[in-house]
Amino acid sequence: MTVKEIEAKLLPLIDESLGKSLAETEGLKHIGIDSEKLTVVLIIALGEVGGEAEKSLKRQIAKIVKLELGFDGVRIQFEEHKTFDSIVKRPVTFIGIISGKGGVGKSTVAANIAYRLSKKGKKIGLIDADIYGSSIPNMMEIEHANPRMNENKKIIPMFAGDIEVISTEFFTNPSQPVIWRGAMLNKMVNHFFYDVAWDPNLDFIIIDLPPGTGDIALDLKSIVPKCKMLVVTTPHPSASHVAVKAGFAARELKHEVIGVVENMSYYENPISKKPEFLFGKGGGDAVAEKLETELIARIPINQPMHHTSLYELDETAGKIYDDIADHLIFNL
């Protein structure tokens, strides 16, 4: 008796908590054979662990393994099936906004891209995965509140206009620092993708990632293996140098780097009407060249006229972000 033969017998079984077969849910995670004890070892993911669905499936498996296949016993480890019917299984375009270092305006870029995409009629989710430096709720002008749960025990995202938003800040007290190690980071990031009641018809999910490379970048690889990455830098050499590292790290994780945004590119002098290059020139071009991608936009330094961090079309930056949104819509 081979693993393939066991698999063929078990895949048609129904996970009653989801109303789907193990083949449909990809719930049969592992099959092993303990030849000394003549026992089958299984890891199975279910929509609901510990309920009647688990008991029913366990009885069916025991009957097949012992009576039909002739084994002496079966050991089953059940785990919760998070990926089935989650947002990662839907035709959503995931765009990660990354940078090599903090302070380059990465979160501002993420918020404004989400905002302009929404203004173009796209259904948008915005994930604030910068766990230690959550700023998206403030940028999107969302009042602090703790999320509620729906009838399926899923987290209901907050809204900024039509944009669905989730952030660590919603789960903490205002101004409370987040001091977590890797395991807690992993758990929170998993919640954002698997346990949030996202609109199933989202077009884009914009992910504001922490600067640099670390645990969350690695976690994202296992959750969204085909996330597209947009690198944010400033013109300054120190920022562009580490932005290249962030881009190469994304490439090593098999993500596609779709372009570079040079933020704080220049200051629009209201008197002379000429650009002033406060942080120098060329950083964005250098990053794009080394990553063999394109420089999508140069965004000036300006305080928004209408919002805390978001720009409208009567502002130079707003028009540039609108062009970025068009670029993403027509090229992804």
C-alpha atoms as a PDB file:
ATOM      1  CA  MET A   1       0.000   0.000   0.000  1.00  0.00           C
ATOM      2  CA  THR A   2       1.419   3.381  -1.055  1.00  0.00           C
ATOM      3  CA  VAL A   3       0.799   6.968   0.041  1.00  0.00           C
ATOM      4  CA  LYS A   4      -0.812   7.658  -3.341  1.00  0.00           C
ATOM      5  CA  GLU A   5      -3.311   4.840  -2.847  1.00  0.00           C
ATOM      6  CA  ILE A   6      -4.212   6.130   0.622  1.00  0.00           C
ATOM      7  CA  GLU A   7      -4.569   9.642  -0.779  1.00  0.00           C
ATOM      8  CA  ALA A   8      -6.947   8.438  -3.512  1.00  0.00           C
ATOM      9  CA  LYS A   9      -9.223   6.894  -0.866  1.00  0.00           C
ATOM     10  CA  LEU A  10      -9.250   9.944   1.454  1.00  0.00           C
ATOM     11  CA  LEU A  11      -9.477  12.914  -0.925  1.00  0.00           C
ATOM     12  CA  PRO A  12     -13.176  12.357  -1.783  1.00  0.00           C
ATOM     13  CA  LEU A  13     -14.163  12.537   1.925  1.00  0.00           C
ATOM     14  CA  ILE A  14     -16.199  15.599   2.871  1.00  0.00           C
ATOM     15  CA  ASP A  15     -15.216  18.243   5.411  1.00  0.00           C
ATOM     16  CA  GLU A  16     -18.756  18.845   6.642  1.00  0.00           C
ATOM     17  CA  SER A  17     -17.806  22.175   8.264  1.00  0.00           C
ATOM     18  CA  LEU A  18     -17.075  23.564   4.781  1.00  0.00           C
ATOM     19  CA  GLY A  19     -19.310  21.317   2.689  1.00  0.00           C
ATOM     20  CA  LYS A  20     -16.360  20.495   0.431  1.00  0.00           C
ATOM     21  CA  SER A  21     -14.198  17.437  -0.193  1.00  0.00           C
ATOM     22  CA  LEU A  22     -10.644  17.259   1.105  1.00  0.00           C
ATOM     23  CA  ALA A  23      -9.564  17.476  -2.527  1.00  0.00           C
ATOM     24  CA  GLU A  24     -11.445  20.763  -2.996  1.00  0.00           C
ATOM     25  CA  THR A  25     -10.155  22.335   0.225  1.00  0.00           C
ATOM     26  CA  GLU A  26      -6.634  20.921  -0.143  1.00  0.00           C
ATOM     27  CA  GLY A  27      -7.164  19.764   3.410  1.00  0.00           C
ATOM     28  CA  LEU A  28      -5.034  16.617   3.265  1.00  0.00           C
ATOM     29  CA  LYS A  29      -1.750  18.166   4.375  1.00  0.00           C
ATOM     30  CA  HIS A  30       0.367  15.077   5.115  1.00  0.00           C
ATOM     31  CA  ILE A  31       0.232  11.297   4.745  1.00  0.00           C
ATOM     32  CA  GLY A  32       2.808   9.057   6.363  1.00  0.00           C
ATOM     33  CA  ILE A  33       3.111   5.316   6.974  1.00  0.00           C
ATOM     34  CA  ASP A  34       4.657   3.891  10.154  1.00  0.00           C
ATOM     35  CA  SER A  35       5.681   0.522   8.739  1.00  0.00           C
ATOM     36  CA  GLU A  36       6.769  -0.892  12.106  1.00  0.00           C
ATOM     37  CA  LYS A  37       3.405  -0.251  13.761  1.00  0.00           C
ATOM     38  CA  LEU A  38       1.450  -0.605  10.482  1.00  0.00           C
ATOM     39  CA  THR A  39      -0.141   2.760  11.181  1.00  0.00           C
ATOM     40  CA  VAL A  40      -1.150   5.641   8.916  1.00  0.00           C
ATOM     41  CA  VAL A  41      -0.165   9.149  10.117  1.00  0.00           C
ATOM     42  CA  LEU A  42      -2.242  12.079   8.824  1.00  0.00           C
ATOM     43  CA  ILE A  43      -2.350  15.864   9.149  1.00  0.00           C
ATOM     44  CA  ILE A  44      -5.711  17.252   8.024  1.00  0.00           C
ATOM     45  CA  ALA A  45      -6.915  20.845   7.917  1.00  0.00           C
ATOM     46  CA  LEU A  46     -10.606  21.453   8.621  1.00  0.00           C
ATOM     47  CA  GLY A  47     -12.813  24.503   8.490  1.00  0.00           C
ATOM     48  CA  GLU A  48     -13.762  23.863  12.125  1.00  0.00           C
ATOM     49  CA  VAL A  49     -11.650  21.866  14.576  1.00  0.00           C
ATOM     50  CA  GLY A  50     -13.134  19.974  17.506  1.00  0.00           C
ATOM     51  CA  GLY A  51     -16.747  19.867  16.355  1.00  0.00           C
ATOM     52  CA  GLU A  52     -19.044  17.239  14.875  1.00  0.00           C
ATOM     53  CA  ALA A  53     -17.409  17.586  11.468  1.00  0.00           C
ATOM     54  CA  GLU A  54     -14.101  16.430  12.935  1.00  0.00           C
ATOM     55  CA  LYS A  55     -15.704  13.440  14.729  1.00  0.00           C
ATOM     56  CA  SER A  56     -17.564  12.353  11.600  1.00  0.00           C
ATOM     57  CA  LEU A  57     -14.488  12.571   9.389  1.00  0.00           C
ATOM     58  CA  LYS A  58     -12.376  10.734  11.952  1.00  0.00           C
ATOM     59  CA  ARG A  59     -14.821   7.800  11.949  1.00  0.00           C
ATOM     60  CA  GLN A  60     -14.845   7.648   8.151  1.00  0.00           C
ATOM     61  CA  ILE A  61     -11.066   7.711   7.949  1.00  0.00           C
ATOM     62  CA  ALA A  62     -10.681   4.989  10.587  1.00  0.00           C
ATOM     63  CA  LYS A  63     -13.107   2.763   8.675  1.00  0.00           C
ATOM     64  CA  ILE A  64     -11.241   3.219   5.390  1.00  0.00           C
ATOM     65  CA  VAL A  65      -7.739   2.845   6.839  1.00  0.00           C
ATOM     66  CA  LYS A  66      -8.472  -0.208   9.010  1.00  0.00           C
ATOM     67  CA  LEU A  67     -11.187  -2.119   7.177  1.00  0.00           C
ATOM     68  CA  GLU A  68     -10.547  -1.277   3.536  1.00  0.00           C
ATOM     69  CA  LEU A  69      -6.781  -0.765   3.536  1.00  0.00           C
ATOM     70  CA  GLY A  70      -5.839  -3.258   6.239  1.00  0.00           C
ATOM     71  CA  PHE A  71      -3.757  -1.065   8.584  1.00  0.00           C
ATOM     72  CA  ASP A  72      -3.723  -1.666  12.339  1.00  0.00           C
ATOM     73  CA  GLY A  73      -4.299   1.968  13.266  1.00  0.00           C
ATOM     74  CA  VAL A  74      -4.385   5.651  12.288  1.00  0.00           C
ATOM     75  CA  ARG A  75      -3.061   8.797  13.990  1.00  0.00           C
ATOM     76  CA  ILE A  76      -4.649  12.062  12.905  1.00  0.00           C
ATOM     77  CA  GLN A  77      -3.621  15.605  13.735  1.00  0.00           C
ATOM     78  CA  PHE A  78      -6.384  18.082  12.907  1.00  0.00           C
ATOM     79  CA  GLU A  79      -5.620  21.766  12.382  1.00  0.00           C
ATOM     80  CA  GLU A  80      -7.722  24.759  11.455  1.00  0.00           C
ATOM     81  CA  HIS A  81      -7.949  25.397   7.727  1.00  0.00           C
ATOM     82  CA  LYS A  82      -7.216  29.105   7.389  1.00  0.00           C
ATOM     83  CA  THR A  83      -6.448  29.388   3.709  1.00  0.00           C
ATOM     84  CA  PHE A  84      -9.636  27.922   2.248  1.00  0.00           C
ATOM     85  CA  ASP A  85     -11.947  30.671   1.012  1.00  0.00           C
ATOM     86  CA  SER A  86      -9.649  33.347   2.471  1.00  0.00           C
ATOM     87  CA  ILE A  87      -8.681  36.454   0.506  1.00  0.00           C
ATOM     88  CA  VAL A  88      -5.409  34.807  -0.585  1.00  0.00           C
ATOM     89  CA  LYS A  89      -7.427  32.289  -2.601  1.00  0.00           C
ATOM     90  CA  ARG A  90      -9.226  34.992  -4.568  1.00  0.00           C
ATOM     91  CA  PRO A  91      -8.135  36.801  -7.758  1.00  0.00           C
ATOM     92  CA  VAL A  92      -6.794  39.839  -5.904  1.00  0.00           C
ATOM     93  CA  THR A  93      -3.666  41.737  -6.934  1.00  0.00           C
ATOM     94  CA  PHE A  94      -1.409  42.089  -3.881  1.00  0.00           C
ATOM     95  CA  ILE A  95       1.025  45.007  -3.950  1.00  0.00           C
ATOM     96  CA  GLY A  96       3.641  45.313  -1.210  1.00  0.00           C
ATOM     97  CA  ILE A  97       5.133  48.748  -0.566  1.00  0.00           C
ATOM     98  CA  ILE A  98       8.718  48.283   0.664  1.00  0.00           C
ATOM     99  CA  SER A  99      11.757  50.388   1.525  1.00  0.00           C
ATOM    100  CA  GLY A 100      15.248  49.788   2.771  1.00  0.00           C
ATOM    101  CA  LYS A 101      14.959  52.204   5.710  1.00  0.00           C
ATOM    102  CA  GLY A 102      12.361  54.130   7.639  1.00  0.00           C
ATOM    103  CA  GLY A 103      11.573  57.792   7.094  1.00  0.00           C
ATOM    104  CA  VAL A 104      11.338  57.717   3.293  1.00  0.00           C
ATOM    105  CA  GLY A 105       7.539  58.086   3.233  1.00  0.00           C
ATOM    106  CA  LYS A 106       6.695  54.472   2.438  1.00  0.00           C
ATOM    107  CA  SER A 107       3.417  54.524   4.377  1.00  0.00           C
ATOM    108  CA  THR A 108       2.410  57.812   2.753  1.00  0.00           C
ATOM    109  CA  VAL A 109       2.976  56.229  -0.653  1.00  0.00           C
ATOM    110  CA  ALA A 110       0.940  53.154   0.341  1.00  0.00           C
ATOM    111  CA  ALA A 111      -1.966  55.240   1.656  1.00  0.00           C
ATOM    112  CA  ASN A 112      -2.091  57.516  -1.382  1.00  0.00           C
ATOM    113  CA  ILE A 113      -1.898  54.680  -3.896  1.00  0.00           C
ATOM    114  CA  ALA A 114      -4.814  52.987  -2.127  1.00  0.00           C
ATOM    115  CA  TYR A 115      -6.706  56.291  -2.080  1.00  0.00           C
ATOM    116  CA  ARG A 116      -6.267  57.027  -5.795  1.00  0.00           C
ATOM    117  CA  LEU A 117      -7.100  53.452  -6.819  1.00  0.00           C
ATOM    118  CA  SER A 118     -10.300  53.732  -4.786  1.00  0.00           C
ATOM    119  CA  LYS A 119     -11.147  57.044  -6.472  1.00  0.00           C
ATOM    120  CA  LYS A 120     -10.920  55.223  -9.809  1.00  0.00           C
ATOM    121  CA  GLY A 121     -13.650  52.815  -8.731  1.00  0.00           C
ATOM    122  CA  LYS A 122     -11.452  49.931  -7.674  1.00  0.00           C
ATOM    123  CA  LYS A 123     -12.302  47.912  -4.564  1.00  0.00           C
ATOM    124  CA  ILE A 124      -9.321  48.291  -2.248  1.00  0.00           C
ATOM    125  CA  GLY A 125      -8.021  46.672   0.918  1.00  0.00           C
ATOM    126  CA  LEU A 126      -5.162  48.310   2.828  1.00  0.00           C
ATOM    127  CA  ILE A 127      -3.078  46.254   5.260  1.00  0.00           C
ATOM    128  CA  ASP A 128      -0.854  48.080   7.736  1.00  0.00           C
ATOM    129  CA  ALA A 129       1.769  45.359   8.194  1.00  0.00           C
ATOM    130  CA  ASP A 130       4.336  47.787   9.607  1.00  0.00           C
ATOM    131  CA  ILE A 131       3.602  46.338  13.042  1.00  0.00           C
ATOM    132  CA  TYR A 132       6.060  48.407  15.081  1.00  0.00           C
ATOM    133  CA  GLY A 133       5.358  51.653  13.253  1.00  0.00           C
ATOM    134  CA  SER A 134       1.654  51.548  12.450  1.00  0.00           C
ATOM    135  CA  SER A 135       0.600  54.843  10.910  1.00  0.00           C
ATOM    136  CA  ILE A 136      -1.999  53.984   8.291  1.00  0.00           C
ATOM    137  CA  PRO A 137      -5.078  54.633  10.514  1.00  0.00           C
ATOM    138  CA  ASN A 138      -3.854  58.156  11.243  1.00  0.00           C
ATOM    139  CA  MET A 139      -3.031  58.786   7.595  1.00  0.00           C
ATOM    140  CA  MET A 140      -6.442  57.535   6.507  1.00  0.00           C
ATOM    141  CA  GLU A 141      -8.078  59.655   9.247  1.00  0.00           C
ATOM    142  CA  ILE A 142      -9.748  56.692  10.940  1.00  0.00           C
ATOM    143  CA  GLU A 143     -10.802  57.244  14.544  1.00  0.00           C
ATOM    144  CA  HIS A 144      -9.365  54.683  16.950  1.00  0.00           C
ATOM    145  CA  ALA A 145     -11.695  51.793  17.738  1.00  0.00           C
ATOM    146  CA  ASN A 146     -11.402  48.076  18.388  1.00  0.00           C
ATOM    147  CA  PRO A 147     -12.614  45.878  15.521  1.00  0.00           C
ATOM    148  CA  ARG A 148     -15.846  43.898  15.802  1.00  0.00           C
ATOM    149  CA  MET A 149     -16.462  40.289  14.765  1.00  0.00           C
ATOM    150  CA  ASN A 150     -19.114  39.050  12.342  1.00  0.00           C
ATOM    151  CA  GLU A 151     -21.325  35.990  12.789  1.00  0.00           C
ATOM    152  CA  ASN A 152     -18.551  33.766  11.402  1.00  0.00           C
ATOM    153  CA  LYS A 153     -16.074  35.091  13.978  1.00  0.00           C
ATOM    154  CA  LYS A 154     -14.154  37.018  11.336  1.00  0.00           C
ATOM    155  CA  ILE A 155     -12.699  40.464  12.027  1.00  0.00           C
ATOM    156  CA  ILE A 156     -14.637  43.258  10.343  1.00  0.00           C
ATOM    157  CA  PRO A 157     -12.146  45.720   8.807  1.00  0.00           C
ATOM    158  CA  MET A 158     -12.366  49.448   9.415  1.00  0.00           C
ATOM    159  CA  PHE A 159     -13.303  51.775   6.580  1.00  0.00           C
ATOM    160  CA  ALA A 160     -11.740  54.940   5.193  1.00  0.00           C
ATOM    161  CA  GLY A 161     -14.372  55.915   2.663  1.00  0.00           C
ATOM    162  CA  ASP A 162     -14.695  52.794   0.513  1.00  0.00           C
ATOM    163  CA  ILE A 163     -11.253  51.450   1.471  1.00  0.00           C
ATOM    164  CA  GLU A 164     -11.136  48.495   3.861  1.00  0.00           C
ATOM    165  CA  VAL A 165      -8.307  48.898   6.379  1.00  0.00           C
ATOM    166  CA  ILE A 166      -6.726  46.640   8.992  1.00  0.00           C
ATOM    167  CA  SER A 167      -3.895  47.602  11.333  1.00  0.00           C
ATOM    168  CA  THR A 168      -2.251  46.504  14.560  1.00  0.00           C
ATOM    169  CA  GLU A 169      -3.231  49.890  15.981  1.00  0.00           C
ATOM    170  CA  PHE A 170      -6.873  48.779  16.097  1.00  0.00           C
ATOM    171  CA  PHE A 171      -5.918  46.024  18.547  1.00  0.00           C
ATOM    172  CA  THR A 172      -3.911  48.212  20.954  1.00  0.00           C
ATOM    173  CA  ASN A 173      -4.506  51.324  23.002  1.00  0.00           C
ATOM    174  CA  PRO A 174      -3.634  54.674  21.383  1.00  0.00           C
ATOM    175  CA  SER A 175       0.083  55.495  21.668  1.00  0.00           C
ATOM    176  CA  GLN A 176       0.828  52.044  23.111  1.00  0.00           C
ATOM    177  CA  PRO A 177       4.102  50.656  21.701  1.00  0.00           C
ATOM    178  CA  VAL A 178       4.131  47.158  20.229  1.00  0.00           C
ATOM    179  CA  ILE A 179       6.940  45.085  21.746  1.00  0.00           C
ATOM    180  CA  TRP A 180       6.606  41.642  20.188  1.00  0.00           C
ATOM    181  CA  ARG A 181       8.930  38.877  19.071  1.00  0.00           C
ATOM    182  CA  GLY A 182       8.683  36.831  15.872  1.00  0.00           C
ATOM    183  CA  ALA A 183       5.923  34.436  16.924  1.00  0.00           C
ATOM    184  CA  MET A 184       3.528  37.250  17.832  1.00  0.00           C
ATOM    185  CA  LEU A 185       4.358  39.098  14.610  1.00  0.00           C
ATOM    186  CA  ASN A 186       3.600  35.974  12.602  1.00  0.00           C
ATOM    187  CA  LYS A 187       0.289  35.477  14.380  1.00  0.00           C
ATOM    188  CA  MET A 188      -0.847  39.063  13.752  1.00  0.00           C
ATOM    189  CA  VAL A 189       0.128  38.982  10.078  1.00  0.00           C
ATOM    190  CA  ASN A 190      -1.759  35.714   9.645  1.00  0.00           C
ATOM    191  CA  HIS A 191      -4.842  37.340  11.218  1.00  0.00           C
ATOM    192  CA  PHE A 192      -4.697  40.128   8.635  1.00  0.00           C
ATOM    193  CA  PHE A 193      -4.984  37.705   5.730  1.00  0.00           C
ATOM    194  CA  TYR A 194      -6.932  34.726   7.075  1.00  0.00           C
ATOM    195  CA  ASP A 195      -9.192  36.079   9.826  1.00  0.00           C
ATOM    196  CA  VAL A 196     -10.483  39.340   8.351  1.00  0.00           C
ATOM    197  CA  ALA A 197     -13.864  39.477   6.606  1.00  0.00           C
ATOM    198  CA  TRP A 198     -12.492  41.136   3.497  1.00  0.00           C
ATOM    199  CA  ASP A 199     -14.872  41.957   0.654  1.00  0.00           C
ATOM    200  CA  PRO A 200     -14.482  38.896  -1.614  1.00  0.00           C
ATOM    201  CA  ASN A 201     -14.547  41.159  -4.677  1.00  0.00           C
ATOM    202  CA  LEU A 202     -11.502  43.296  -3.852  1.00  0.00           C
ATOM    203  CA  ASP A 203      -9.389  44.281  -6.850  1.00  0.00           C
ATOM    204  CA  PHE A 204      -6.200  45.271  -5.012  1.00  0.00           C
ATOM    205  CA  ILE A 205      -4.771  44.801  -1.527  1.00  0.00           C
ATOM    206  CA  ILE A 206      -2.029  47.304  -0.743  1.00  0.00           C
ATOM    207  CA  ILE A 207       0.366  46.099   1.974  1.00  0.00           C
ATOM    208  CA  ASP A 208       2.442  48.651   3.883  1.00  0.00           C
ATOM    209  CA  LEU A 209       5.420  46.511   4.908  1.00  0.00           C
ATOM    210  CA  PRO A 210       8.040  47.358   7.555  1.00  0.00           C
ATOM    211  CA  PRO A 211      11.271  48.926   6.312  1.00  0.00           C
ATOM    212  CA  GLY A 212      14.172  46.602   5.698  1.00  0.00           C
ATOM    213  CA  THR A 213      14.029  42.819   5.677  1.00  0.00           C
ATOM    214  CA  GLY A 214      12.855  40.675   8.562  1.00  0.00           C
ATOM    215  CA  ASP A 215      10.275  38.245   9.928  1.00  0.00           C
ATOM    216  CA  ILE A 216       7.238  39.861   8.311  1.00  0.00           C
ATOM    217  CA  ALA A 217       8.777  39.758   4.838  1.00  0.00           C
ATOM    218  CA  LEU A 218       9.425  36.047   5.330  1.00  0.00           C
ATOM    219  CA  ASP A 219       5.892  35.490   6.643  1.00  0.00           C
ATOM    220  CA  LEU A 220       4.449  37.260   3.612  1.00  0.00           C
ATOM    221  CA  LYS A 221       6.300  34.867   1.319  1.00  0.00           C
ATOM    222  CA  SER A 222       4.406  31.895   2.756  1.00  0.00           C
ATOM    223  CA  ILE A 223       1.043  33.703   2.725  1.00  0.00           C
ATOM    224  CA  VAL A 224       1.182  35.577  -0.600  1.00  0.00           C
ATOM    225  CA  PRO A 225       4.000  33.992  -2.610  1.00  0.00           C
ATOM    226  CA  LYS A 226       3.246  36.114  -5.702  1.00  0.00           C
ATOM    227  CA  CYS A 227       3.012  39.556  -4.107  1.00  0.00           C
ATOM    228  CA  LYS A 228       4.197  42.355  -6.388  1.00  0.00           C
ATOM    229  CA  MET A 229       6.631  44.811  -4.783  1.00  0.00           C
ATOM    230  CA  LEU A 230       6.967  48.558  -5.249  1.00  0.00           C
ATOM    231  CA  VAL A 231      10.214  49.988  -3.827  1.00  0.00           C
ATOM    232  CA  VAL A 232      10.163  53.443  -2.204  1.00  0.00           C
ATOM    233  CA  THR A 233      13.322  55.511  -1.835  1.00  0.00           C
ATOM    234  CA  THR A 234      14.415  59.136  -1.636  1.00  0.00           C
ATOM    235  CA  PRO A 235      17.066  60.714  -3.885  1.00  0.00           C
ATOM    236  CA  HIS A 236      19.638  60.565  -1.078  1.00  0.00           C
ATOM    237  CA  PRO A 237      22.442  57.998  -1.579  1.00  0.00           C
ATOM    238  CA  SER A 238      21.999  56.385   1.864  1.00  0.00           C
ATOM    239  CA  ALA A 239      18.303  55.741   1.233  1.00  0.00           C
ATOM    240  CA  SER A 240      18.835  54.472  -2.299  1.00  0.00           C
ATOM    241  CA  HIS A 241      21.666  52.180  -1.177  1.00  0.00           C
ATOM    242  CA  VAL A 242      19.484  50.272   1.296  1.00  0.00           C
ATOM    243  CA  ALA A 243      16.444  50.406  -1.027  1.00  0.00           C
ATOM    244  CA  VAL A 244      18.416  48.286  -3.470  1.00  0.00           C
ATOM    245  CA  LYS A 245      18.964  45.716  -0.722  1.00  0.00           C
ATOM    246  CA  ALA A 246      15.224  45.619  -0.013  1.00  0.00           C
ATOM    247  CA  GLY A 247      14.535  45.061  -3.704  1.00  0.00           C
ATOM    248  CA  PHE A 248      17.062  42.243  -3.987  1.00  0.00           C
ATOM    249  CA  ALA A 249      15.645  40.646  -0.824  1.00  0.00           C
ATOM    250  CA  ALA A 250      12.182  40.697  -2.401  1.00  0.00           C
ATOM    251  CA  ARG A 251      13.633  39.069  -5.501  1.00  0.00           C
ATOM    252  CA  GLU A 252      15.284  36.337  -3.440  1.00  0.00           C
ATOM    253  CA  LEU A 253      11.845  35.575  -1.998  1.00  0.00           C
ATOM    254  CA  LYS A 254      10.591  35.238  -5.603  1.00  0.00           C
ATOM    255  CA  HIS A 255       8.425  38.369  -5.504  1.00  0.00           C
ATOM    256  CA  GLU A 256       8.204  40.528  -8.620  1.00  0.00           C
ATOM    257  CA  VAL A 257       9.629  44.034  -8.228  1.00  0.00           C
ATOM    258  CA  ILE A 258       7.299  46.139 -10.391  1.00  0.00           C
ATOM    259  CA  GLY A 259       9.002  49.510 -10.051  1.00  0.00           C
ATOM    260  CA  VAL A 260      10.518  52.270  -7.954  1.00  0.00           C
ATOM    261  CA  VAL A 261       8.949  55.430  -6.531  1.00  0.00           C
ATOM    262  CA  GLU A 262      11.303  58.263  -5.616  1.00  0.00           C
ATOM    263  CA  ASN A 263       9.612  60.124  -2.752  1.00  0.00           C
ATOM    264  CA  MET A 264      10.701  63.564  -1.427  1.00  0.00           C
ATOM    265  CA  SER A 265      12.223  64.038  -4.844  1.00  0.00           C
ATOM    266  CA  TYR A 266      12.198  67.841  -4.768  1.00  0.00           C
ATOM    267  CA  TYR A 267      10.545  70.859  -3.126  1.00  0.00           C
ATOM    268  CA  GLU A 268       8.271  73.085  -5.176  1.00  0.00           C
ATOM    269  CA  ASN A 269       9.450  76.573  -4.228  1.00  0.00           C
ATOM    270  CA  PRO A 270       6.306  78.740  -4.208  1.00  0.00           C
ATOM    271  CA  ILE A 271       8.315  81.919  -4.811  1.00  0.00           C
ATOM    272  CA  SER A 272      10.680  80.956  -7.624  1.00  0.00           C
ATOM    273  CA  LYS A 273       8.318  78.261  -9.009  1.00  0.00           C
ATOM    274  CA  LYS A 274      11.393  76.099  -9.473  1.00  0.00           C
ATOM    275  CA  PRO A 275      12.170  72.689  -7.936  1.00  0.00           C
ATOM    276  CA  GLU A 276      14.762  72.583  -5.172  1.00  0.00           C
ATOM    277  CA  PHE A 277      16.501  69.234  -4.702  1.00  0.00           C
ATOM    278  CA  LEU A 278      16.909  69.092  -0.929  1.00  0.00           C
ATOM    279  CA  PHE A 279      18.123  65.487  -0.848  1.00  0.00           C
ATOM    280  CA  GLY A 280      20.113  65.504  -4.046  1.00  0.00           C
ATOM    281  CA  LYS A 281      19.307  63.776  -7.311  1.00  0.00           C
ATOM    282  CA  GLY A 282      19.476  60.383  -8.915  1.00  0.00           C
ATOM    283  CA  GLY A 283      18.628  58.000  -6.074  1.00  0.00           C
ATOM    284  CA  GLY A 284      15.482  56.632  -7.700  1.00  0.00           C
ATOM    285  CA  ASP A 285      17.190  56.174 -11.061  1.00  0.00           C
ATOM    286  CA  ALA A 286      20.077  54.309  -9.411  1.00  0.00           C
ATOM    287  CA  VAL A 287      17.718  51.944  -7.571  1.00  0.00           C
ATOM    288  CA  ALA A 288      15.689  51.248 -10.709  1.00  0.00           C
ATOM    289  CA  GLU A 289      18.836  50.570 -12.743  1.00  0.00           C
ATOM    290  CA  LYS A 290      20.322  48.153 -10.213  1.00  0.00           C
ATOM    291  CA  LEU A 291      17.018  46.305  -9.795  1.00  0.00           C
ATOM    292  CA  GLU A 292      16.493  46.278 -13.584  1.00  0.00           C
ATOM    293  CA  THR A 293      13.052  47.814 -13.267  1.00  0.00           C
ATOM    294  CA  GLU A 294      11.526  51.221 -13.991  1.00  0.00           C
ATOM    295  CA  LEU A 295      11.278  54.458 -12.057  1.00  0.00           C
ATOM    296  CA  ILE A 296       7.517  54.977 -11.999  1.00  0.00           C
ATOM    297  CA  ALA A 297       7.328  58.414 -10.379  1.00  0.00           C
ATOM    298  CA  ARG A 298       9.099  61.254  -8.629  1.00  0.00           C
ATOM    299  CA  ILE A 299       6.973  62.734  -5.834  1.00  0.00           C
ATOM    300  CA  PRO A 300       7.715  66.197  -4.407  1.00  0.00           C
ATOM    301  CA  ILE A 301       7.812  67.279  -0.763  1.00  0.00           C
ATOM    302  CA  ASN A 302       4.610  69.126   0.108  1.00  0.00           C
ATOM    303  CA  GLN A 303       2.130  69.232   2.940  1.00  0.00           C
ATOM    304  CA  PRO A 304      -1.332  68.085   1.761  1.00  0.00           C
ATOM    305  CA  MET A 305      -3.835  70.927   1.522  1.00  0.00           C
ATOM    306  CA  HIS A 306      -6.999  68.954   2.343  1.00  0.00           C
ATOM    307  CA  HIS A 307      -6.022  65.963   4.499  1.00  0.00           C
ATOM    308  CA  THR A 308      -3.497  64.743   7.036  1.00  0.00           C
ATOM    309  CA  SER A 309      -1.529  62.687   4.506  1.00  0.00           C
ATOM    310  CA  LEU A 310      -3.676  62.226   1.396  1.00  0.00           C
ATOM    311  CA  TYR A 311      -3.443  64.326  -1.747  1.00  0.00           C
ATOM    312  CA  GLU A 312      -6.210  65.414  -4.098  1.00  0.00           C
ATOM    313  CA  LEU A 313      -6.071  66.082  -7.840  1.00  0.00           C
ATOM    314  CA  ASP A 314      -5.661  69.843  -7.394  1.00  0.00           C
ATOM    315  CA  GLU A 315      -2.229  69.144  -5.881  1.00  0.00           C
ATOM    316  CA  THR A 316       0.903  68.138  -7.790  1.00  0.00           C
ATOM    317  CA  ALA A 317       1.448  65.037  -5.674  1.00  0.00           C
ATOM    318  CA  GLY A 318      -2.192  64.036  -6.105  1.00  0.00           C
ATOM    319  CA  LYS A 319      -1.842  64.090  -9.885  1.00  0.00           C
ATOM    320  CA  ILE A 320       1.326  62.000  -9.659  1.00  0.00           C
ATOM    321  CA  TYR A 321      -0.344  59.419  -7.419  1.00  0.00           C
ATOM    322  CA  ASP A 322      -3.247  59.337  -9.877  1.00  0.00           C
ATOM    323  CA  ASP A 323      -0.768  58.508 -12.645  1.00  0.00           C
ATOM    324  CA  ILE A 324       0.717  55.748 -10.461  1.00  0.00           C
ATOM    325  CA  ALA A 325      -2.777  54.292  -9.976  1.00  0.00           C
ATOM    326  CA  ASP A 326      -3.327  54.300 -13.748  1.00  0.00           C
ATOM    327  CA  HIS A 327       0.034  52.611 -14.235  1.00  0.00           C
ATOM    328  CA  LEU A 328      -0.897  49.817 -11.797  1.00  0.00           C
ATOM    329  CA  ILE A 329      -4.366  49.332 -13.270  1.00  0.00           C
ATOM    330  CA  PHE A 330      -3.167  49.069 -16.853  1.00  0.00           C
ATOM    331  CA  ASN A 331       0.039  47.091 -16.241  1.00  0.00           C
ATOM    332  CA  LEU A 332      -0.882  44.518 -13.595  1.00  0.00           C
END
